[in-house]
PDB file of N, CA and C in Angstrom:
ATOM      1  N   MET A   1      -4.091  -0.866 -27.370  1.00  0.00           N
ATOM      2  CA  MET A   1      -3.053  -0.150 -26.604  1.00  0.00           C
ATOM      3  C   MET A   1      -3.315   0.242 -25.272  1.00  0.00           C
ATOM      4  N   SER A   2      -2.604  -0.261 -24.396  1.00  0.00           N
ATOM      5  CA  SER A   2      -2.927   0.280 -22.907  1.00  0.00           C
ATOM      6  C   SER A   2      -2.721   1.656 -22.306  1.00  0.00           C
ATOM      7  N   SER A   3      -3.496   2.168 -21.543  1.00  0.00           N
ATOM      8  CA  SER A   3      -3.203   3.413 -21.062  1.00  0.00           C
ATOM      9  C   SER A   3      -2.292   3.501 -19.700  1.00  0.00           C
ATOM     10  N   GLU A   4      -2.179   2.382 -19.437  1.00  0.00           N
ATOM     11  CA  GLU A   4      -1.429   2.291 -18.005  1.00  0.00           C
ATOM     12  C   GLU A   4       0.035   3.089 -18.044  1.00  0.00           C
ATOM     13  N   PRO A   5       0.742   2.939 -19.006  1.00  0.00           N
ATOM     14  CA  PRO A   5       2.031   3.845 -18.834  1.00  0.00           C
ATOM     15  C   PRO A   5       1.658   5.363 -18.730  1.00  0.00           C
ATOM     16  N   ILE A   6       0.878   5.628 -19.268  1.00  0.00           N
ATOM     17  CA  ILE A   6       0.449   7.223 -19.386  1.00  0.00           C
ATOM     18  C   ILE A   6      -0.284   7.621 -17.973  1.00  0.00           C
ATOM     19  N   PHE A   7      -1.149   6.673 -17.556  1.00  0.00           N
ATOM     20  CA  PHE A   7      -1.853   6.889 -16.231  1.00  0.00           C
ATOM     21  C   PHE A   7      -0.635   7.133 -15.420  1.00  0.00           C
ATOM     22  N   LYS A   8       0.387   5.849 -15.203  1.00  0.00           N
ATOM     23  CA  LYS A   8       1.568   5.975 -13.960  1.00  0.00           C
ATOM     24  C   LYS A   8       2.393   7.296 -14.303  1.00  0.00           C
ATOM     25  N   SER A   9       2.661   7.727 -15.520  1.00  0.00           N
ATOM     26  CA  SER A   9       3.524   8.735 -15.641  1.00  0.00           C
ATOM     27  C   SER A   9       2.813  10.089 -15.116  1.00  0.00           C
ATOM     28  N   ILE A  10       1.636  10.437 -14.901  1.00  0.00           N
ATOM     29  CA  ILE A  10       0.782  11.321 -14.541  1.00  0.00           C
ATOM     30  C   ILE A  10       0.651  11.116 -13.055  1.00  0.00           C
ATOM     31  N   PHE A  11       0.156  10.120 -12.711  1.00  0.00           N
ATOM     32  CA  PHE A  11      -0.519   9.948 -11.202  1.00  0.00           C
ATOM     33  C   PHE A  11       0.292   9.188 -10.474  1.00  0.00           C
ATOM     34  N   GLY A  12       1.220   8.422 -11.186  1.00  0.00           N
ATOM     35  CA  GLY A  12       2.304   7.424 -10.096  1.00  0.00           C
ATOM     36  C   GLY A  12       1.463   6.062  -9.972  1.00  0.00           C
ATOM     37  N   GLU A  13       1.872   5.439  -8.927  1.00  0.00           N
ATOM     38  CA  GLU A  13       1.224   4.287  -8.614  1.00  0.00           C
ATOM     39  C   GLU A  13       1.469   3.891  -6.967  1.00  0.00           C
ATOM     40  N   GLY A  14       0.566   2.858  -6.620  1.00  0.00           N
ATOM     41  CA  GLY A  14       0.501   2.510  -5.262  1.00  0.00           C
ATOM     42  C   GLY A  14       0.968   0.953  -5.080  1.00  0.00           C
ATOM     43  N   ASN A  15       1.167   0.714  -3.751  1.00  0.00           N
ATOM     44  CA  ASN A  15       1.417  -0.803  -3.622  1.00  0.00           C
ATOM     45  C   ASN A  15       0.822  -1.088  -2.190  1.00  0.00           C
ATOM     46  N   ALA A  16       0.227  -2.131  -1.855  1.00  0.00           N
ATOM     47  CA  ALA A  16      -0.161  -2.279  -0.725  1.00  0.00           C
ATOM     48  C   ALA A  16       0.069  -3.830  -0.380  1.00  0.00           C
ATOM     49  N   GLU A  17       0.692  -4.243   0.743  1.00  0.00           N
ATOM     50  CA  GLU A  17       0.852  -5.762   1.179  1.00  0.00           C
ATOM     51  C   GLU A  17       0.355  -5.858   2.590  1.00  0.00           C
ATOM     52  N   GLU A  18      -0.201  -7.221   2.796  1.00  0.00           N
ATOM     53  CA  GLU A  18      -0.441  -7.421   4.168  1.00  0.00           C
ATOM     54  C   GLU A  18       0.133  -8.790   4.388  1.00  0.00           C
ATOM     55  N   ILE A  19       0.407  -9.037   5.351  1.00  0.00           N
ATOM     56  CA  ILE A  19       1.064 -10.265   5.776  1.00  0.00           C
ATOM     57  C   ILE A  19       0.523 -10.824   7.213  1.00  0.00           C
ATOM     58  N   ALA A  20      -0.161 -11.976   7.083  1.00  0.00           N
ATOM     59  CA  ALA A  20      -0.697 -12.716   8.276  1.00  0.00           C
ATOM     60  C   ALA A  20       0.289 -12.689   9.131  1.00  0.00           C
ATOM     61  N   VAL A  21       0.185 -12.580  10.680  1.00  0.00           N
ATOM     62  CA  VAL A  21       1.197 -12.822  11.580  1.00  0.00           C
ATOM     63  C   VAL A  21       0.610 -13.945  12.413  1.00  0.00           C
ATOM     64  N   ASP A  22      -0.662 -13.704  12.972  1.00  0.00           N
ATOM     65  CA  ASP A  22      -1.444 -15.025  13.298  1.00  0.00           C
ATOM     66  C   ASP A  22      -2.884 -14.725  13.015  1.00  0.00           C
ATOM     67  N   GLU A  23      -3.649 -15.522  13.641  1.00  0.00           N
ATOM     68  CA  GLU A  23      -5.196 -15.467  13.452  1.00  0.00           C
ATOM     69  C   GLU A  23      -5.947 -14.024  13.551  1.00  0.00           C
ATOM     70  N   ASP A  24      -5.412 -13.299  14.482  1.00  0.00           N
ATOM     71  CA  ASP A  24      -5.930 -11.924  14.822  1.00  0.00           C
ATOM     72  C   ASP A  24      -4.906 -10.742  14.658  1.00  0.00           C
ATOM     73  N   VAL A  25      -3.871 -10.840  13.939  1.00  0.00           N
ATOM     74  CA  VAL A  25      -2.722  -9.974  13.674  1.00  0.00           C
ATOM     75  C   VAL A  25      -2.205 -10.015  12.477  1.00  0.00           C
ATOM     76  N   PHE A  26      -2.084  -8.865  11.683  1.00  0.00           N
ATOM     77  CA  PHE A  26      -1.306  -8.794  10.226  1.00  0.00           C
ATOM     78  C   PHE A  26      -0.350  -7.558  10.378  1.00  0.00           C
ATOM     79  N   GLU A  27       0.407  -7.501   9.492  1.00  0.00           N
ATOM     80  CA  GLU A  27       1.431  -6.486   9.288  1.00  0.00           C
ATOM     81  C   GLU A  27       0.825  -5.900   8.019  1.00  0.00           C
ATOM     82  N   MET A  28       1.008  -4.521   7.764  1.00  0.00           N
ATOM     83  CA  MET A  28       0.488  -3.928   6.541  1.00  0.00           C
ATOM     84  C   MET A  28       1.489  -2.976   6.161  1.00  0.00           C
ATOM     85  N   PHE A  29       1.893  -2.750   4.734  1.00  0.00           N
ATOM     86  CA  PHE A  29       3.015  -1.783   4.139  1.00  0.00           C
ATOM     87  C   PHE A  29       2.106  -1.295   2.908  1.00  0.00           C
ATOM     88  N   VAL A  30       2.181   0.201   2.912  1.00  0.00           N
ATOM     89  CA  VAL A  30       1.366   0.959   1.733  1.00  0.00           C
ATOM     90  C   VAL A  30       2.312   1.931   1.470  1.00  0.00           C
ATOM     91  N   THR A  31       2.824   1.896  -0.077  1.00  0.00           N
ATOM     92  CA  THR A  31       3.537   3.218  -0.414  1.00  0.00           C
ATOM     93  C   THR A  31       2.689   3.749  -1.740  1.00  0.00           C
ATOM     94  N   ILE A  32       3.010   5.004  -1.886  1.00  0.00           N
ATOM     95  CA  ILE A  32       2.554   5.736  -3.045  1.00  0.00           C
ATOM     96  C   ILE A  32       3.737   6.454  -3.524  1.00  0.00           C
ATOM     97  N   SER A  33       3.932   6.130  -5.057  1.00  0.00           N
ATOM     98  CA  SER A  33       5.162   6.914  -5.477  1.00  0.00           C
ATOM     99  C   SER A  33       5.010   7.471  -6.724  1.00  0.00           C
ATOM    100  N   HIS A  34       5.686   8.431  -7.272  1.00  0.00           N
ATOM    101  CA  HIS A  34       5.489   9.249  -8.470  1.00  0.00           C
ATOM    102  C   HIS A  34       6.860   9.099  -9.115  1.00  0.00           C
ATOM    103  N   PRO A  35       6.733   8.884 -10.568  1.00  0.00           N
ATOM    104  CA  PRO A  35       7.749   8.798 -11.398  1.00  0.00           C
ATOM    105  C   PRO A  35       8.804  10.000 -11.276  1.00  0.00           C
ATOM    106  N   TRP A  36       8.403  11.198 -11.078  1.00  0.00           N
ATOM    107  CA  TRP A  36       9.258  12.439 -10.961  1.00  0.00           C
ATOM    108  C   TRP A  36       9.653  12.687  -9.536  1.00  0.00           C
ATOM    109  N   TRP A  37       8.870  12.668  -8.546  1.00  0.00           N
ATOM    110  CA  TRP A  37       8.999  13.029  -7.237  1.00  0.00           C
ATOM    111  C   TRP A  37       9.484  11.942  -6.235  1.00  0.00           C
ATOM    112  N   GLY A  38       9.219  10.751  -6.645  1.00  0.00           N
ATOM    113  CA  GLY A  38       9.532   9.420  -5.787  1.00  0.00           C
ATOM    114  C   GLY A  38       8.594   8.936  -5.061  1.00  0.00           C
ATOM    115  N   LYS A  39       8.970   8.466  -3.729  1.00  0.00           N
ATOM    116  CA  LYS A  39       7.919   8.330  -2.782  1.00  0.00           C
ATOM    117  C   LYS A  39       7.249   9.386  -2.079  1.00  0.00           C
ATOM    118  N   MET A  40       5.669   9.286  -2.232  1.00  0.00           N
ATOM    119  CA  MET A  40       5.045  10.545  -1.568  1.00  0.00           C
ATOM    120  C   MET A  40       4.790  10.021  -0.413  1.00  0.00           C
ATOM    121  N   TYR A  41       4.344   9.021  -0.206  1.00  0.00           N
ATOM    122  CA  TYR A  41       3.654   8.591   0.887  1.00  0.00           C
ATOM    123  C   TYR A  41       3.827   7.022   1.478  1.00  0.00           C
ATOM    124  N   GLU A  42       3.944   6.985   2.733  1.00  0.00           N
ATOM    125  CA  GLU A  42       4.104   5.511   2.860  1.00  0.00           C
ATOM    126  C   GLU A  42       3.734   5.103   4.555  1.00  0.00           C
ATOM    127  N   TYR A  43       3.061   4.076   4.570  1.00  0.00           N
ATOM    128  CA  TYR A  43       2.890   3.874   6.130  1.00  0.00           C
ATOM    129  C   TYR A  43       2.948   2.545   6.339  1.00  0.00           C
ATOM    130  N   LYS A  44       3.412   1.824   7.564  1.00  0.00           N
ATOM    131  CA  LYS A  44       3.253   0.547   7.673  1.00  0.00           C
ATOM    132  C   LYS A  44       3.173   0.342   9.280  1.00  0.00           C
ATOM    133  N   GLY A  45       2.888  -0.889   9.576  1.00  0.00           N
ATOM    134  CA  GLY A  45       2.366  -0.992  10.914  1.00  0.00           C
ATOM    135  C   GLY A  45       1.725  -2.463  11.252  1.00  0.00           C
ATOM    136  N   GLN A  46       1.586  -2.812  12.560  1.00  0.00           N
ATOM    137  CA  GLN A  46       1.123  -4.040  12.816  1.00  0.00           C
ATOM    138  C   GLN A  46      -0.119  -3.908  13.454  1.00  0.00           C
ATOM    139  N   PHE A  47      -1.077  -4.673  13.019  1.00  0.00           N
ATOM    140  CA  PHE A  47      -2.689  -4.266  13.477  1.00  0.00           C
ATOM    141  C   PHE A  47      -3.176  -5.559  14.082  1.00  0.00           C
ATOM    142  N   GLU A  48      -4.102  -5.333  15.068  1.00  0.00           N
ATOM    143  CA  GLU A  48      -4.787  -6.648  15.703  1.00  0.00           C
ATOM    144  C   GLU A  48      -6.248  -6.297  15.627  1.00  0.00           C
ATOM    145  N   LEU A  49      -6.827  -7.200  15.256  1.00  0.00           N
ATOM    146  CA  LEU A  49      -8.367  -7.485  15.059  1.00  0.00           C
ATOM    147  C   LEU A  49      -9.082  -7.780  16.307  1.00  0.00           C
ATOM    148  N   ARG A  50      -9.771  -7.008  16.779  1.00  0.00           N
ATOM    149  CA  ARG A  50     -10.707  -7.302  18.083  1.00  0.00           C
ATOM    150  C   ARG A  50     -11.685  -7.539  17.773  1.00  0.00           C
ATOM    151  N   LYS A  51     -12.449  -8.524  18.654  1.00  0.00           N
ATOM    152  CA  LYS A  51     -13.912  -8.910  18.450  1.00  0.00           C
ATOM    153  C   LYS A  51     -14.646  -8.221  19.575  1.00  0.00           C
ATOM    154  N   ASN A  52     -15.947  -7.663  19.385  1.00  0.00           N
ATOM    155  CA  ASN A  52     -16.651  -7.145  20.341  1.00  0.00           C
ATOM    156  C   ASN A  52     -17.522  -8.275  21.040  1.00  0.00           C
ATOM    157  N   ALA A  53     -17.358  -8.224  22.415  1.00  0.00           N
ATOM    158  CA  ALA A  53     -17.854  -8.910  23.288  1.00  0.00           C
ATOM    159  C   ALA A  53     -19.325  -8.991  23.309  1.00  0.00           C
TER     160      ALA A  53
END
């Protein structure tokens, strides 16, 4: 028997997604939600990787 349903009902769950825009840029979406209180945290944005010269 899996403890996953019990874990999610107490702590909620998170989701993260990264999408490549090009070689040095990606978009990221993160959410954390709880079954009782709904979405608790969210951030999203476009990020650029920079190389040190």
